[in-house]
Amino acid sequence: MAYYMVQAAYTAEAIAAMAKKPEDRAAAIGPVIEKLGGKLEGFWFCFGDYDVVGISQMPDNVSAAAFSFAVSQSGKLRAVKTTPLMTTGEAMKALKKAGGAGYRAPGA
């Protein structure tokens, strides 16, 4: 299965609701990811452009997109960003493949 990083920013209303009644959002999204055939690897609250970041394994891009669509439709997020991740081994294979691809830079 492939790894994905999902970053999300809550709306002000969602933050206000969680401040009044804190809840473990990992417990809420873990079963959704599992229903889509994946596994939640980790979930963190953070600050900056995004409020939370999660790492999950999903069977394919369609399942990862389905998760993003599912959480987006709540109206409680102002932004969601999904980034496919590669293991170091996958990156090494990609770099070796790139080295033999025969790309010529402009003007070279």
C-alpha atoms as a PDB file:
ATOM      1  CA  MET A   1       0.000   0.000   0.000  1.00  0.00           C
ATOM      2  CA  ALA A   2       1.066   3.564  -0.635  1.00  0.00           C
ATOM      3  CA  TYR A   3       1.616   6.251   1.994  1.00  0.00           C
ATOM      4  CA  TYR A   4      -0.177   9.600   1.971  1.00  0.00           C
ATOM      5  CA  MET A   5       0.157  12.741   4.056  1.00  0.00           C
ATOM      6  CA  VAL A   6      -3.068  14.679   4.571  1.00  0.00           C
ATOM      7  CA  GLN A   7      -2.870  18.210   5.939  1.00  0.00           C
ATOM      8  CA  ALA A   8      -6.058  20.003   6.929  1.00  0.00           C
ATOM      9  CA  ALA A   9      -7.046  23.416   8.244  1.00  0.00           C
ATOM     10  CA  TYR A  10     -10.214  23.716  10.297  1.00  0.00           C
ATOM     11  CA  THR A  11     -12.682  26.561   9.988  1.00  0.00           C
ATOM     12  CA  ALA A  12     -12.896  29.015  12.892  1.00  0.00           C
ATOM     13  CA  GLU A  13     -16.262  27.493  13.790  1.00  0.00           C
ATOM     14  CA  ALA A  14     -14.767  23.995  13.979  1.00  0.00           C
ATOM     15  CA  ILE A  15     -11.924  25.202  16.240  1.00  0.00           C
ATOM     16  CA  ALA A  16     -14.457  26.945  18.498  1.00  0.00           C
ATOM     17  CA  ALA A  17     -16.548  23.765  18.733  1.00  0.00           C
ATOM     18  CA  MET A  18     -13.478  21.646  19.582  1.00  0.00           C
ATOM     19  CA  ALA A  19     -12.367  24.181  22.196  1.00  0.00           C
ATOM     20  CA  LYS A  20     -15.762  23.808  23.896  1.00  0.00           C
ATOM     21  CA  LYS A  21     -15.765  20.022  23.558  1.00  0.00           C
ATOM     22  CA  PRO A  22     -12.302  18.573  22.786  1.00  0.00           C
ATOM     23  CA  GLU A  23     -12.297  15.216  21.031  1.00  0.00           C
ATOM     24  CA  ASP A  24      -9.723  12.800  19.661  1.00  0.00           C
ATOM     25  CA  ARG A  25      -9.968  13.391  15.924  1.00  0.00           C
ATOM     26  CA  ALA A  26      -7.681  10.420  15.207  1.00  0.00           C
ATOM     27  CA  ALA A  27     -10.334   8.176  16.766  1.00  0.00           C
ATOM     28  CA  ALA A  28     -12.906   9.776  14.475  1.00  0.00           C
ATOM     29  CA  ILE A  29     -10.968   9.446  11.201  1.00  0.00           C
ATOM     30  CA  GLY A  30      -9.228   6.114  11.798  1.00  0.00           C
ATOM     31  CA  PRO A  31     -12.361   4.041  11.114  1.00  0.00           C
ATOM     32  CA  VAL A  32     -13.099   6.061   7.957  1.00  0.00           C
ATOM     33  CA  ILE A  33      -9.622   5.302   6.602  1.00  0.00           C
ATOM     34  CA  GLU A  34     -10.039   1.627   7.537  1.00  0.00           C
ATOM     35  CA  LYS A  35     -13.419   1.462   5.776  1.00  0.00           C
ATOM     36  CA  LEU A  36     -11.647   2.696   2.636  1.00  0.00           C
ATOM     37  CA  GLY A  37      -9.088  -0.119   2.950  1.00  0.00           C
ATOM     38  CA  GLY A  38      -6.337   1.917   4.605  1.00  0.00           C
ATOM     39  CA  LYS A  39      -4.560   2.292   7.920  1.00  0.00           C
ATOM     40  CA  LEU A  40      -3.921   5.471   9.918  1.00  0.00           C
ATOM     41  CA  GLU A  41      -0.206   5.525  10.790  1.00  0.00           C
ATOM     42  CA  GLY A  42      -0.206   8.729  12.832  1.00  0.00           C
ATOM     43  CA  PHE A  43      -2.128  11.941  13.441  1.00  0.00           C
ATOM     44  CA  TRP A  44      -0.855  15.216  14.872  1.00  0.00           C
ATOM     45  CA  PHE A  45      -2.236  18.646  15.654  1.00  0.00           C
ATOM     46  CA  CYS A  46       0.090  21.426  14.564  1.00  0.00           C
ATOM     47  CA  PHE A  47       0.095  25.157  13.926  1.00  0.00           C
ATOM     48  CA  GLY A  48       0.908  27.206  10.871  1.00  0.00           C
ATOM     49  CA  ASP A  49      -0.923  26.886   7.556  1.00  0.00           C
ATOM     50  CA  TYR A  50      -2.577  23.632   8.655  1.00  0.00           C
ATOM     51  CA  ASP A  51      -4.078  22.537  11.971  1.00  0.00           C
ATOM     52  CA  VAL A  52      -3.634  18.772  11.628  1.00  0.00           C
ATOM     53  CA  VAL A  53      -1.475  16.350   9.681  1.00  0.00           C
ATOM     54  CA  GLY A  54      -2.061  12.648   9.244  1.00  0.00           C
ATOM     55  CA  ILE A  55      -0.031   9.878   7.661  1.00  0.00           C
ATOM     56  CA  SER A  56      -1.924   6.894   6.341  1.00  0.00           C
ATOM     57  CA  GLN A  57      -1.475   3.917   4.094  1.00  0.00           C
ATOM     58  CA  MET A  58      -4.121   3.590   1.414  1.00  0.00           C
ATOM     59  CA  PRO A  59      -4.549   0.932  -1.274  1.00  0.00           C
ATOM     60  CA  ASP A  60      -4.559   3.440  -4.155  1.00  0.00           C
ATOM     61  CA  ASN A  61      -5.063   7.049  -5.273  1.00  0.00           C
ATOM     62  CA  VAL A  62      -8.825   6.563  -5.625  1.00  0.00           C
ATOM     63  CA  SER A  63      -9.117   5.552  -1.950  1.00  0.00           C
ATOM     64  CA  ALA A  64      -6.917   8.470  -0.865  1.00  0.00           C
ATOM     65  CA  ALA A  65      -9.055  10.877  -2.894  1.00  0.00           C
ATOM     66  CA  ALA A  66     -12.234   9.339  -1.458  1.00  0.00           C
ATOM     67  CA  PHE A  67     -10.969  10.083   2.050  1.00  0.00           C
ATOM     68  CA  SER A  68     -10.155  13.670   1.103  1.00  0.00           C
ATOM     69  CA  PHE A  69     -13.609  14.119  -0.449  1.00  0.00           C
ATOM     70  CA  ALA A  70     -15.309  12.545   2.581  1.00  0.00           C
ATOM     71  CA  VAL A  71     -13.689  14.890   5.107  1.00  0.00           C
ATOM     72  CA  SER A  72     -14.037  17.938   2.847  1.00  0.00           C
ATOM     73  CA  GLN A  73     -17.801  17.586   2.510  1.00  0.00           C
ATOM     74  CA  SER A  74     -18.297  18.264   6.220  1.00  0.00           C
ATOM     75  CA  GLY A  75     -17.822  21.995   5.678  1.00  0.00           C
ATOM     76  CA  LYS A  76     -15.622  22.113   8.806  1.00  0.00           C
ATOM     77  CA  LEU A  77     -12.348  22.338   6.889  1.00  0.00           C
ATOM     78  CA  ARG A  78     -11.135  25.413   5.043  1.00  0.00           C
ATOM     79  CA  ALA A  79      -8.310  23.522   3.304  1.00  0.00           C
ATOM     80  CA  VAL A  80      -7.231  19.922   2.679  1.00  0.00           C
ATOM     81  CA  LYS A  81      -3.970  18.922   0.997  1.00  0.00           C
ATOM     82  CA  THR A  82      -3.098  15.310   0.161  1.00  0.00           C
ATOM     83  CA  THR A  83       0.505  14.453  -0.697  1.00  0.00           C
ATOM     84  CA  PRO A  84       1.559  10.995  -1.943  1.00  0.00           C
ATOM     85  CA  LEU A  85       4.706   9.828  -0.123  1.00  0.00           C
ATOM     86  CA  MET A  86       7.500   7.513  -1.234  1.00  0.00           C
ATOM     87  CA  THR A  87       9.652   5.301   0.916  1.00  0.00           C
ATOM     88  CA  THR A  88      13.410   5.806   0.660  1.00  0.00           C
ATOM     89  CA  GLY A  89      13.611   2.583  -1.353  1.00  0.00           C
ATOM     90  CA  GLU A  90      11.005   3.855  -3.830  1.00  0.00           C
ATOM     91  CA  ALA A  91      12.852   7.164  -4.148  1.00  0.00           C
ATOM     92  CA  MET A  92      16.131   5.344  -4.864  1.00  0.00           C
ATOM     93  CA  LYS A  93      14.457   3.328  -7.638  1.00  0.00           C
ATOM     94  CA  ALA A  94      12.928   6.514  -9.083  1.00  0.00           C
ATOM     95  CA  LEU A  95      16.296   8.300  -9.010  1.00  0.00           C
ATOM     96  CA  LYS A  96      18.011   5.397 -10.781  1.00  0.00           C
ATOM     97  CA  LYS A  97      15.245   5.328 -13.379  1.00  0.00           C
ATOM     98  CA  ALA A  98      15.484   9.103 -13.850  1.00  0.00           C
ATOM     99  CA  GLY A  99      19.237   8.824 -14.399  1.00  0.00           C
ATOM    100  CA  GLY A 100      18.653   6.610 -17.422  1.00  0.00           C
ATOM    101  CA  ALA A 101      15.609   8.413 -18.829  1.00  0.00           C
ATOM    102  CA  GLY A 102      17.589  10.396 -21.371  1.00  0.00           C
ATOM    103  CA  TYR A 103      16.170  13.823 -20.502  1.00  0.00           C
ATOM    104  CA  ARG A 104      17.922  16.759 -22.160  1.00  0.00           C
ATOM    105  CA  ALA A 105      17.655  20.130 -20.413  1.00  0.00           C
ATOM    106  CA  PRO A 106      16.576  23.167 -22.485  1.00  0.00           C
ATOM    107  CA  GLY A 107      19.535  24.729 -24.269  1.00  0.00           C
ATOM    108  CA  ALA A 108      21.814  21.759 -23.552  1.00  0.00           C
END
